[in-house]
Amino acid sequence: MTKGVCNIASIPIQIPYLILIAISAASGWAVFLIYMTRIKRYAPEALVFAECRRKQLPLCELIVGNTVSWNVERPIQDGSVMVRVKDYGKGIDPTVLGSDPALVAKGGLQVYHRSPAYVFDLPPNHVRALLAIVEYARNNPDYDDLAILSDSDLIALVSTDRGNLEHNCAAYIDKKDSKLPVGRLVNLIETLQDESATLPLKSGTFSYSQGIRLNPSRFTPQNFEAILNILRAEDQANYHAQFTDYLKIGGGGFLLLIGVGYAAKMMGWV
């Protein structure tokens, strides 16, 4: 060893220590791999939650029938009002719709609920309201005649504007067999509309999947994507049409200038 200089190669390290260090490093790496494998196998959602918190993105609970999954809700580009969710497609950012605020988990993580049946998110209070209406109608003897309707049909009629109510009610009445006149059904639905407007929301636990089945709206992400494609095609067609018009106007103006210049030259003005 030279004075003032530390030569690492000259430091004696016994072979057993090297073996111990290698074994410790390999063991640590093996434990880490086992840990990550167990997370991916038994808690794959943990990686989604971690990404949402790290990047401050909303968490989307995607409900399909009786299954549920969690995905990151990302804007398709900075400043866009549209979002993209894996296994769902494109949707609309709930913050621009003025709907109920998102549920908030620990650390300020925003949580939205979506279904492939809708392009919009489904707020918890919306689901509670639908379930409250059905529960009220089914437990009230005054509405026993509405037993001919399924829960989803009942909500569809309650959601109908009164100007279309008689027409829509007629579609649920079998004129040959039903003992319920259309007028009676219309009156019952109108009364239920009035009374449900002041019903308290269903409290306690509730089923999101049931609320999704009851929701009368059916505007899917696929419908949304199709509309976007139509708008893009129309916009592109309009752009080409406008560009062609500009070319015609510009060409006509250019020819007009040539004609005016030639006439001025022939008349000796220039």
C-alpha atoms as a PDB file:
ATOM      1  CA  MET A   1       0.000   0.000   0.000  1.00  0.00           C
ATOM      2  CA  THR A   2       1.457   3.328  -1.053  1.00  0.00           C
ATOM      3  CA  LYS A   3       1.436   6.040   1.581  1.00  0.00           C
ATOM      4  CA  GLY A   4      -1.606   8.278   1.241  1.00  0.00           C
ATOM      5  CA  VAL A   5      -3.242   5.953  -1.324  1.00  0.00           C
ATOM      6  CA  CYS A   6      -5.718   3.172  -0.514  1.00  0.00           C
ATOM      7  CA  ASN A   7      -5.373   0.270  -2.898  1.00  0.00           C
ATOM      8  CA  ILE A   8      -8.593  -1.760  -2.623  1.00  0.00           C
ATOM      9  CA  ALA A   9      -7.018  -4.732  -4.318  1.00  0.00           C
ATOM     10  CA  SER A  10      -4.516  -4.970  -1.467  1.00  0.00           C
ATOM     11  CA  ILE A  11      -7.235  -5.224   1.239  1.00  0.00           C
ATOM     12  CA  PRO A  12      -7.509  -8.852   2.232  1.00  0.00           C
ATOM     13  CA  ILE A  13     -11.116 -10.174   2.017  1.00  0.00           C
ATOM     14  CA  GLN A  14     -11.631 -13.746   2.998  1.00  0.00           C
ATOM     15  CA  ILE A  15     -13.544 -16.021   0.619  1.00  0.00           C
ATOM     16  CA  PRO A  16     -16.238 -16.934   3.193  1.00  0.00           C
ATOM     17  CA  TYR A  17     -17.176 -13.255   3.497  1.00  0.00           C
ATOM     18  CA  LEU A  18     -17.532 -12.974  -0.286  1.00  0.00           C
ATOM     19  CA  ILE A  19     -19.726 -16.050  -0.315  1.00  0.00           C
ATOM     20  CA  LEU A  20     -21.843 -14.633   2.513  1.00  0.00           C
ATOM     21  CA  ILE A  21     -22.284 -11.316   0.693  1.00  0.00           C
ATOM     22  CA  ALA A  22     -23.273 -13.128  -2.514  1.00  0.00           C
ATOM     23  CA  ILE A  23     -25.738 -15.339  -0.664  1.00  0.00           C
ATOM     24  CA  SER A  24     -27.250 -12.309   1.116  1.00  0.00           C
ATOM     25  CA  ALA A  25     -27.654 -10.393  -2.163  1.00  0.00           C
ATOM     26  CA  ALA A  26     -29.199 -13.411  -3.900  1.00  0.00           C
ATOM     27  CA  SER A  27     -31.528 -14.013  -0.956  1.00  0.00           C
ATOM     28  CA  GLY A  28     -32.626 -10.389  -0.903  1.00  0.00           C
ATOM     29  CA  TRP A  29     -33.306 -10.461  -4.641  1.00  0.00           C
ATOM     30  CA  ALA A  30     -35.237 -13.732  -4.299  1.00  0.00           C
ATOM     31  CA  VAL A  31     -37.369 -12.310  -1.471  1.00  0.00           C
ATOM     32  CA  PHE A  32     -38.115  -9.217  -3.573  1.00  0.00           C
ATOM     33  CA  LEU A  33     -39.159 -11.323  -6.579  1.00  0.00           C
ATOM     34  CA  ILE A  34     -41.349 -13.548  -4.408  1.00  0.00           C
ATOM     35  CA  TYR A  35     -42.937 -10.453  -2.837  1.00  0.00           C
ATOM     36  CA  MET A  36     -43.688  -8.840  -6.220  1.00  0.00           C
ATOM     37  CA  THR A  37     -44.992 -12.127  -7.602  1.00  0.00           C
ATOM     38  CA  ARG A  38     -47.353 -12.513  -4.663  1.00  0.00           C
ATOM     39  CA  ILE A  39     -48.599  -8.926  -5.126  1.00  0.00           C
ATOM     40  CA  LYS A  40     -49.247  -9.461  -8.832  1.00  0.00           C
ATOM     41  CA  ARG A  41     -50.988 -12.743  -8.087  1.00  0.00           C
ATOM     42  CA  TYR A  42     -53.017 -11.914  -4.992  1.00  0.00           C
ATOM     43  CA  ALA A  43     -53.288  -8.101  -5.142  1.00  0.00           C
ATOM     44  CA  PRO A  44     -52.875  -6.939  -8.758  1.00  0.00           C
ATOM     45  CA  GLU A  45     -54.978  -3.862  -7.955  1.00  0.00           C
ATOM     46  CA  ALA A  46     -52.193  -2.605  -5.684  1.00  0.00           C
ATOM     47  CA  LEU A  47     -50.154  -1.551  -8.721  1.00  0.00           C
ATOM     48  CA  VAL A  48     -53.149   0.362 -10.109  1.00  0.00           C
ATOM     49  CA  PHE A  49     -53.751   2.134  -6.796  1.00  0.00           C
ATOM     50  CA  ALA A  50     -50.058   2.983  -6.554  1.00  0.00           C
ATOM     51  CA  GLU A  51     -49.977   4.499 -10.059  1.00  0.00           C
ATOM     52  CA  CYS A  52     -53.115   6.573  -9.375  1.00  0.00           C
ATOM     53  CA  ARG A  53     -51.637   7.982  -6.182  1.00  0.00           C
ATOM     54  CA  ARG A  54     -48.196   8.542  -7.698  1.00  0.00           C
ATOM     55  CA  LYS A  55     -49.510  10.347 -10.792  1.00  0.00           C
ATOM     56  CA  GLN A  56     -52.552  11.882  -9.044  1.00  0.00           C
ATOM     57  CA  LEU A  57     -54.989  10.282 -11.475  1.00  0.00           C
ATOM     58  CA  PRO A  58     -58.535   9.131 -10.631  1.00  0.00           C
ATOM     59  CA  LEU A  59     -59.228   5.487  -9.898  1.00  0.00           C
ATOM     60  CA  CYS A  60     -62.008   3.883 -11.937  1.00  0.00           C
ATOM     61  CA  GLU A  61     -64.059   1.031 -10.522  1.00  0.00           C
ATOM     62  CA  LEU A  62     -65.353  -0.799 -13.596  1.00  0.00           C
ATOM     63  CA  ILE A  63     -68.494  -2.862 -12.976  1.00  0.00           C
ATOM     64  CA  VAL A  64     -69.450  -5.507 -15.529  1.00  0.00           C
ATOM     65  CA  GLY A  65     -72.347  -7.682 -14.402  1.00  0.00           C
ATOM     66  CA  ASN A  66     -71.311  -9.189 -11.088  1.00  0.00           C
ATOM     67  CA  THR A  67     -67.583  -8.611 -11.638  1.00  0.00           C
ATOM     68  CA  VAL A  68     -65.554  -5.568 -10.701  1.00  0.00           C
ATOM     69  CA  SER A  69     -62.086  -4.368 -11.642  1.00  0.00           C
ATOM     70  CA  TRP A  70     -59.985  -1.280 -10.950  1.00  0.00           C
ATOM     71  CA  ASN A  71     -58.187   0.732 -13.599  1.00  0.00           C
ATOM     72  CA  VAL A  72     -56.434   4.061 -14.013  1.00  0.00           C
ATOM     73  CA  GLU A  73     -58.609   6.794 -15.558  1.00  0.00           C
ATOM     74  CA  ARG A  74     -56.372   8.824 -17.868  1.00  0.00           C
ATOM     75  CA  PRO A  75     -57.134  11.896 -20.005  1.00  0.00           C
ATOM     76  CA  ILE A  76     -56.584  11.072 -23.680  1.00  0.00           C
ATOM     77  CA  GLN A  77     -54.392  14.181 -23.798  1.00  0.00           C
ATOM     78  CA  ASP A  78     -53.592  17.128 -21.560  1.00  0.00           C
ATOM     79  CA  GLY A  79     -56.575  19.436 -21.160  1.00  0.00           C
ATOM     80  CA  SER A  80     -59.015  17.045 -22.847  1.00  0.00           C
ATOM     81  CA  VAL A  81     -62.544  16.520 -21.507  1.00  0.00           C
ATOM     82  CA  MET A  82     -62.361  12.871 -22.581  1.00  0.00           C
ATOM     83  CA  VAL A  83     -60.754  10.055 -20.633  1.00  0.00           C
ATOM     84  CA  ARG A  84     -59.651   6.548 -21.508  1.00  0.00           C
ATOM     85  CA  VAL A  85     -59.947   3.536 -19.237  1.00  0.00           C
ATOM     86  CA  LYS A  86     -58.508   0.101 -19.962  1.00  0.00           C
ATOM     87  CA  ASP A  87     -61.204  -2.516 -20.776  1.00  0.00           C
ATOM     88  CA  TYR A  88     -63.768   0.308 -21.019  1.00  0.00           C
ATOM     89  CA  GLY A  89     -62.859   2.696 -23.816  1.00  0.00           C
ATOM     90  CA  LYS A  90     -63.385   6.434 -24.002  1.00  0.00           C
ATOM     91  CA  GLY A  91     -65.626   8.344 -21.639  1.00  0.00           C
ATOM     92  CA  ILE A  92     -66.325  11.882 -20.514  1.00  0.00           C
ATOM     93  CA  ASP A  93     -64.475  13.460 -17.618  1.00  0.00           C
ATOM     94  CA  PRO A  94     -67.064  13.654 -14.786  1.00  0.00           C
ATOM     95  CA  THR A  95     -65.628  16.953 -13.535  1.00  0.00           C
ATOM     96  CA  VAL A  96     -66.880  18.785 -16.657  1.00  0.00           C
ATOM     97  CA  LEU A  97     -70.418  17.408 -16.285  1.00  0.00           C
ATOM     98  CA  GLY A  98     -71.155  19.005 -12.927  1.00  0.00           C
ATOM     99  CA  SER A  99     -72.211  15.634 -11.522  1.00  0.00           C
ATOM    100  CA  ASP A 100     -71.824  14.499  -7.934  1.00  0.00           C
ATOM    101  CA  PRO A 101     -68.253  14.775  -6.667  1.00  0.00           C
ATOM    102  CA  ALA A 102     -66.135  11.651  -6.716  1.00  0.00           C
ATOM    103  CA  LEU A 103     -65.709   9.456  -3.693  1.00  0.00           C
ATOM    104  CA  VAL A 104     -62.389  10.170  -2.020  1.00  0.00           C
ATOM    105  CA  ALA A 105     -60.150   7.448  -0.583  1.00  0.00           C
ATOM    106  CA  LYS A 106     -57.235   7.852   1.800  1.00  0.00           C
ATOM    107  CA  GLY A 107     -54.651  10.325   0.561  1.00  0.00           C
ATOM    108  CA  GLY A 108     -57.171  12.249  -1.586  1.00  0.00           C
ATOM    109  CA  LEU A 109     -57.501   9.509  -4.221  1.00  0.00           C
ATOM    110  CA  GLN A 110     -60.613  10.188  -6.346  1.00  0.00           C
ATOM    111  CA  VAL A 111     -62.742   7.146  -7.201  1.00  0.00           C
ATOM    112  CA  TYR A 112     -65.284   6.979 -10.036  1.00  0.00           C
ATOM    113  CA  HIS A 113     -67.635   4.152 -10.951  1.00  0.00           C
ATOM    114  CA  ARG A 114     -68.249   3.149 -14.555  1.00  0.00           C
ATOM    115  CA  SER A 115     -69.951   0.452 -16.561  1.00  0.00           C
ATOM    116  CA  PRO A 116     -69.580  -0.485 -20.242  1.00  0.00           C
ATOM    117  CA  ALA A 117     -73.280   0.341 -20.537  1.00  0.00           C
ATOM    118  CA  TYR A 118     -72.658   4.084 -20.088  1.00  0.00           C
ATOM    119  CA  VAL A 119     -70.251   6.700 -21.348  1.00  0.00           C
ATOM    120  CA  PHE A 120     -70.734   8.651 -18.106  1.00  0.00           C
ATOM    121  CA  ASP A 121     -69.754   7.720 -14.585  1.00  0.00           C
ATOM    122  CA  LEU A 122     -72.464   6.490 -12.222  1.00  0.00           C
ATOM    123  CA  PRO A 123     -72.445   8.485  -8.941  1.00  0.00           C
ATOM    124  CA  PRO A 124     -73.404   6.615  -5.757  1.00  0.00           C
ATOM    125  CA  ASN A 125     -76.324   8.953  -5.014  1.00  0.00           C
ATOM    126  CA  HIS A 126     -77.776   8.226  -8.447  1.00  0.00           C
ATOM    127  CA  VAL A 127     -77.778   4.512  -7.683  1.00  0.00           C
ATOM    128  CA  ARG A 128     -79.253   5.112  -4.217  1.00  0.00           C
ATOM    129  CA  ALA A 129     -82.081   7.148  -5.761  1.00  0.00           C
ATOM    130  CA  LEU A 130     -82.980   4.423  -8.274  1.00  0.00           C
ATOM    131  CA  LEU A 131     -83.023   1.748  -5.582  1.00  0.00           C
ATOM    132  CA  ALA A 132     -85.115   3.974  -3.283  1.00  0.00           C
ATOM    133  CA  ILE A 133     -87.791   4.440  -5.996  1.00  0.00           C
ATOM    134  CA  VAL A 134     -88.053   0.707  -6.672  1.00  0.00           C
ATOM    135  CA  GLU A 135     -88.149  -0.162  -2.977  1.00  0.00           C
ATOM    136  CA  TYR A 136     -90.858   2.455  -2.325  1.00  0.00           C
ATOM    137  CA  ALA A 137     -93.061   1.250  -5.183  1.00  0.00           C
ATOM    138  CA  ARG A 138     -92.708  -2.443  -4.318  1.00  0.00           C
ATOM    139  CA  ASN A 139     -93.496  -1.955  -0.615  1.00  0.00           C
ATOM    140  CA  ASN A 140     -96.463   0.383  -1.122  1.00  0.00           C
ATOM    141  CA  PRO A 141     -99.860  -1.351  -1.608  1.00  0.00           C
ATOM    142  CA  ASP A 142    -101.070   1.620  -3.659  1.00  0.00           C
ATOM    143  CA  TYR A 143     -98.725   0.484  -6.426  1.00  0.00           C
ATOM    144  CA  ASP A 144     -99.597  -3.218  -6.477  1.00  0.00           C
ATOM    145  CA  ASP A 145    -100.836  -2.831 -10.053  1.00  0.00           C
ATOM    146  CA  LEU A 146     -97.283  -1.977 -11.103  1.00  0.00           C
ATOM    147  CA  ALA A 147     -96.298  -5.610 -10.458  1.00  0.00           C
ATOM    148  CA  ILE A 148     -96.734  -6.188 -14.192  1.00  0.00           C
ATOM    149  CA  LEU A 149     -93.558  -4.121 -14.716  1.00  0.00           C
ATOM    150  CA  SER A 150     -90.022  -5.251 -14.077  1.00  0.00           C
ATOM    151  CA  ASP A 151     -87.857  -3.015 -11.922  1.00  0.00           C
ATOM    152  CA  SER A 152     -85.969  -1.680 -14.959  1.00  0.00           C
ATOM    153  CA  ASP A 153     -89.241  -1.012 -16.859  1.00  0.00           C
ATOM    154  CA  LEU A 154     -90.611   0.784 -13.809  1.00  0.00           C
ATOM    155  CA  ILE A 155     -87.595   3.101 -13.677  1.00  0.00           C
ATOM    156  CA  ALA A 156     -87.778   3.664 -17.445  1.00  0.00           C
ATOM    157  CA  LEU A 157     -91.383   4.885 -17.152  1.00  0.00           C
ATOM    158  CA  VAL A 158     -90.707   6.998 -14.056  1.00  0.00           C
ATOM    159  CA  SER A 159     -87.896   8.654 -16.041  1.00  0.00           C
ATOM    160  CA  THR A 160     -90.180   9.417 -18.991  1.00  0.00           C
ATOM    161  CA  ASP A 161     -91.343  12.956 -19.730  1.00  0.00           C
ATOM    162  CA  ARG A 162     -95.059  13.325 -19.173  1.00  0.00           C
ATOM    163  CA  GLY A 163     -95.602  14.383 -22.744  1.00  0.00           C
ATOM    164  CA  ASN A 164     -94.495  10.904 -23.877  1.00  0.00           C
ATOM    165  CA  LEU A 165     -95.768   8.962 -20.896  1.00  0.00           C
ATOM    166  CA  GLU A 166     -99.086   7.759 -22.327  1.00  0.00           C
ATOM    167  CA  HIS A 167     -97.413   6.545 -25.521  1.00  0.00           C
ATOM    168  CA  ASN A 168     -94.701   4.700 -23.603  1.00  0.00           C
ATOM    169  CA  CYS A 169     -97.135   3.181 -21.110  1.00  0.00           C
ATOM    170  CA  ALA A 170     -99.181   1.727 -23.951  1.00  0.00           C
ATOM    171  CA  ALA A 171     -96.169  -0.342 -24.994  1.00  0.00           C
ATOM    172  CA  TYR A 172     -96.313  -2.219 -21.664  1.00  0.00           C
ATOM    173  CA  ILE A 173    -100.031  -3.010 -21.786  1.00  0.00           C
ATOM    174  CA  ASP A 174    -101.380  -6.118 -23.449  1.00  0.00           C
ATOM    175  CA  LYS A 175    -104.772  -4.863 -24.621  1.00  0.00           C
ATOM    176  CA  LYS A 176    -106.174  -8.418 -24.933  1.00  0.00           C
ATOM    177  CA  ASP A 177    -105.141  -9.851 -21.556  1.00  0.00           C
ATOM    178  CA  SER A 178    -104.245  -6.990 -19.229  1.00  0.00           C
ATOM    179  CA  LYS A 179    -106.804  -5.807 -16.706  1.00  0.00           C
ATOM    180  CA  LEU A 180    -104.834  -2.592 -16.223  1.00  0.00           C
ATOM    181  CA  PRO A 181    -106.001   0.220 -18.541  1.00  0.00           C
ATOM    182  CA  VAL A 182    -103.389   2.505 -20.025  1.00  0.00           C
ATOM    183  CA  GLY A 183    -104.931   5.501 -18.269  1.00  0.00           C
ATOM    184  CA  ARG A 184    -104.614   3.776 -14.892  1.00  0.00           C
ATOM    185  CA  LEU A 185    -100.937   2.988 -15.546  1.00  0.00           C
ATOM    186  CA  VAL A 186    -100.266   6.582 -16.587  1.00  0.00           C
ATOM    187  CA  ASN A 187    -101.907   7.896 -13.404  1.00  0.00           C
ATOM    188  CA  LEU A 188     -99.887   5.534 -11.215  1.00  0.00           C
ATOM    189  CA  ILE A 189     -96.612   6.534 -12.863  1.00  0.00           C
ATOM    190  CA  GLU A 190     -97.398  10.236 -12.592  1.00  0.00           C
ATOM    191  CA  THR A 191     -98.199   9.821  -8.888  1.00  0.00           C
ATOM    192  CA  LEU A 192     -95.001   7.858  -8.353  1.00  0.00           C
ATOM    193  CA  GLN A 193     -93.031  10.579 -10.153  1.00  0.00           C
ATOM    194  CA  ASP A 194     -94.444  13.199  -7.792  1.00  0.00           C
ATOM    195  CA  GLU A 195     -93.868  11.150  -4.638  1.00  0.00           C
ATOM    196  CA  SER A 196     -90.395   9.913  -5.603  1.00  0.00           C
ATOM    197  CA  ALA A 197     -89.209  13.497  -6.032  1.00  0.00           C
ATOM    198  CA  THR A 198     -89.156  13.857  -2.241  1.00  0.00           C
ATOM    199  CA  LEU A 199     -87.997  10.359  -1.295  1.00  0.00           C
ATOM    200  CA  PRO A 200     -84.858  10.134   0.848  1.00  0.00           C
ATOM    201  CA  LEU A 201     -81.931   8.276  -0.686  1.00  0.00           C
ATOM    202  CA  LYS A 202     -81.556   4.627   0.196  1.00  0.00           C
ATOM    203  CA  SER A 203     -79.286   4.342   3.207  1.00  0.00           C
ATOM    204  CA  GLY A 204     -76.883   1.607   4.207  1.00  0.00           C
ATOM    205  CA  THR A 205     -75.206  -0.786   1.821  1.00  0.00           C
ATOM    206  CA  PHE A 206     -76.448  -1.102  -1.740  1.00  0.00           C
ATOM    207  CA  SER A 207     -75.692  -2.998  -4.929  1.00  0.00           C
ATOM    208  CA  TYR A 208     -73.979  -1.032  -7.664  1.00  0.00           C
ATOM    209  CA  SER A 209     -74.640  -3.774 -10.217  1.00  0.00           C
ATOM    210  CA  GLN A 210     -78.367  -3.582  -9.468  1.00  0.00           C
ATOM    211  CA  GLY A 211     -78.275   0.189  -9.905  1.00  0.00           C
ATOM    212  CA  ILE A 212     -76.564  -0.236 -13.266  1.00  0.00           C
ATOM    213  CA  ARG A 213     -79.275  -2.620 -14.417  1.00  0.00           C
ATOM    214  CA  LEU A 214     -81.949  -0.140 -13.348  1.00  0.00           C
ATOM    215  CA  ASN A 215     -80.422   2.887 -15.061  1.00  0.00           C
ATOM    216  CA  PRO A 216     -82.642   3.666 -18.079  1.00  0.00           C
ATOM    217  CA  SER A 217     -79.810   5.360 -19.981  1.00  0.00           C
ATOM    218  CA  ARG A 218     -77.956   3.258 -22.524  1.00  0.00           C
ATOM    219  CA  PHE A 219     -75.211   5.313 -24.140  1.00  0.00           C
ATOM    220  CA  THR A 220     -72.124   3.119 -24.292  1.00  0.00           C
ATOM    221  CA  PRO A 221     -68.471   4.040 -24.872  1.00  0.00           C
ATOM    222  CA  GLN A 222     -68.818   2.307 -28.240  1.00  0.00           C
ATOM    223  CA  ASN A 223     -71.697   4.631 -29.141  1.00  0.00           C
ATOM    224  CA  PHE A 224     -69.545   7.556 -28.026  1.00  0.00           C
ATOM    225  CA  GLU A 225     -66.609   6.366 -30.133  1.00  0.00           C
ATOM    226  CA  ALA A 226     -68.879   5.978 -33.164  1.00  0.00           C
ATOM    227  CA  ILE A 227     -70.215   9.525 -32.730  1.00  0.00           C
ATOM    228  CA  LEU A 228     -66.665  10.862 -32.423  1.00  0.00           C
ATOM    229  CA  ASN A 229     -65.669   9.094 -35.636  1.00  0.00           C
ATOM    230  CA  ILE A 230     -68.697  10.531 -37.440  1.00  0.00           C
ATOM    231  CA  LEU A 231     -67.881  14.036 -36.197  1.00  0.00           C
ATOM    232  CA  ARG A 232     -64.239  13.647 -37.246  1.00  0.00           C
ATOM    233  CA  ALA A 233     -65.275  12.460 -40.712  1.00  0.00           C
ATOM    234  CA  GLU A 234     -67.771  15.308 -41.052  1.00  0.00           C
ATOM    235  CA  ASP A 235     -65.205  17.833 -39.866  1.00  0.00           C
ATOM    236  CA  GLN A 236     -62.657  16.493 -42.328  1.00  0.00           C
ATOM    237  CA  ALA A 237     -65.210  16.598 -45.158  1.00  0.00           C
ATOM    238  CA  ASN A 238     -66.109  20.185 -44.249  1.00  0.00           C
ATOM    239  CA  TYR A 239     -62.433  21.089 -44.153  1.00  0.00           C
ATOM    240  CA  HIS A 240     -61.862  19.688 -47.639  1.00  0.00           C
ATOM    241  CA  ALA A 241     -65.011  21.399 -48.920  1.00  0.00           C
ATOM    242  CA  GLN A 242     -63.923  24.732 -47.460  1.00  0.00           C
ATOM    243  CA  PHE A 243     -60.412  24.270 -48.817  1.00  0.00           C
ATOM    244  CA  THR A 244     -61.863  23.598 -52.287  1.00  0.00           C
ATOM    245  CA  ASP A 245     -64.026  26.721 -52.013  1.00  0.00           C
ATOM    246  CA  TYR A 246     -60.979  28.764 -51.029  1.00  0.00           C
ATOM    247  CA  LEU A 247     -59.080  27.414 -54.040  1.00  0.00           C
ATOM    248  CA  LYS A 248     -61.959  28.328 -56.337  1.00  0.00           C
ATOM    249  CA  ILE A 249     -62.223  31.829 -54.898  1.00  0.00           C
ATOM    250  CA  GLY A 250     -58.459  32.314 -54.993  1.00  0.00           C
ATOM    251  CA  GLY A 251     -58.210  30.983 -58.554  1.00  0.00           C
ATOM    252  CA  GLY A 252     -61.089  33.175 -59.699  1.00  0.00           C
ATOM    253  CA  GLY A 253     -59.536  36.228 -58.064  1.00  0.00           C
ATOM    254  CA  PHE A 254     -56.158  35.472 -59.666  1.00  0.00           C
ATOM    255  CA  LEU A 255     -57.719  35.138 -63.121  1.00  0.00           C
ATOM    256  CA  LEU A 256     -59.660  38.337 -62.533  1.00  0.00           C
ATOM    257  CA  LEU A 257     -56.446  40.208 -61.708  1.00  0.00           C
ATOM    258  CA  ILE A 258     -54.796  38.839 -64.828  1.00  0.00           C
ATOM    259  CA  GLY A 259     -57.769  39.960 -66.918  1.00  0.00           C
ATOM    260  CA  VAL A 260     -57.802  43.425 -65.357  1.00  0.00           C
ATOM    261  CA  GLY A 261     -54.052  43.776 -65.884  1.00  0.00           C
ATOM    262  CA  TYR A 262     -54.288  42.683 -69.526  1.00  0.00           C
ATOM    263  CA  ALA A 263     -57.173  45.099 -70.187  1.00  0.00           C
ATOM    264  CA  ALA A 264     -55.278  47.947 -68.547  1.00  0.00           C
ATOM    265  CA  LYS A 265     -52.214  47.208 -70.701  1.00  0.00           C
ATOM    266  CA  MET A 266     -54.288  47.077 -73.904  1.00  0.00           C
ATOM    267  CA  MET A 267     -55.868  50.435 -73.065  1.00  0.00           C
ATOM    268  CA  GLY A 268     -52.490  51.966 -72.370  1.00  0.00           C
ATOM    269  CA  TRP A 269     -53.083  52.572 -68.699  1.00  0.00           C
ATOM    270  CA  VAL A 270     -49.877  50.802 -67.748  1.00  0.00           C
END
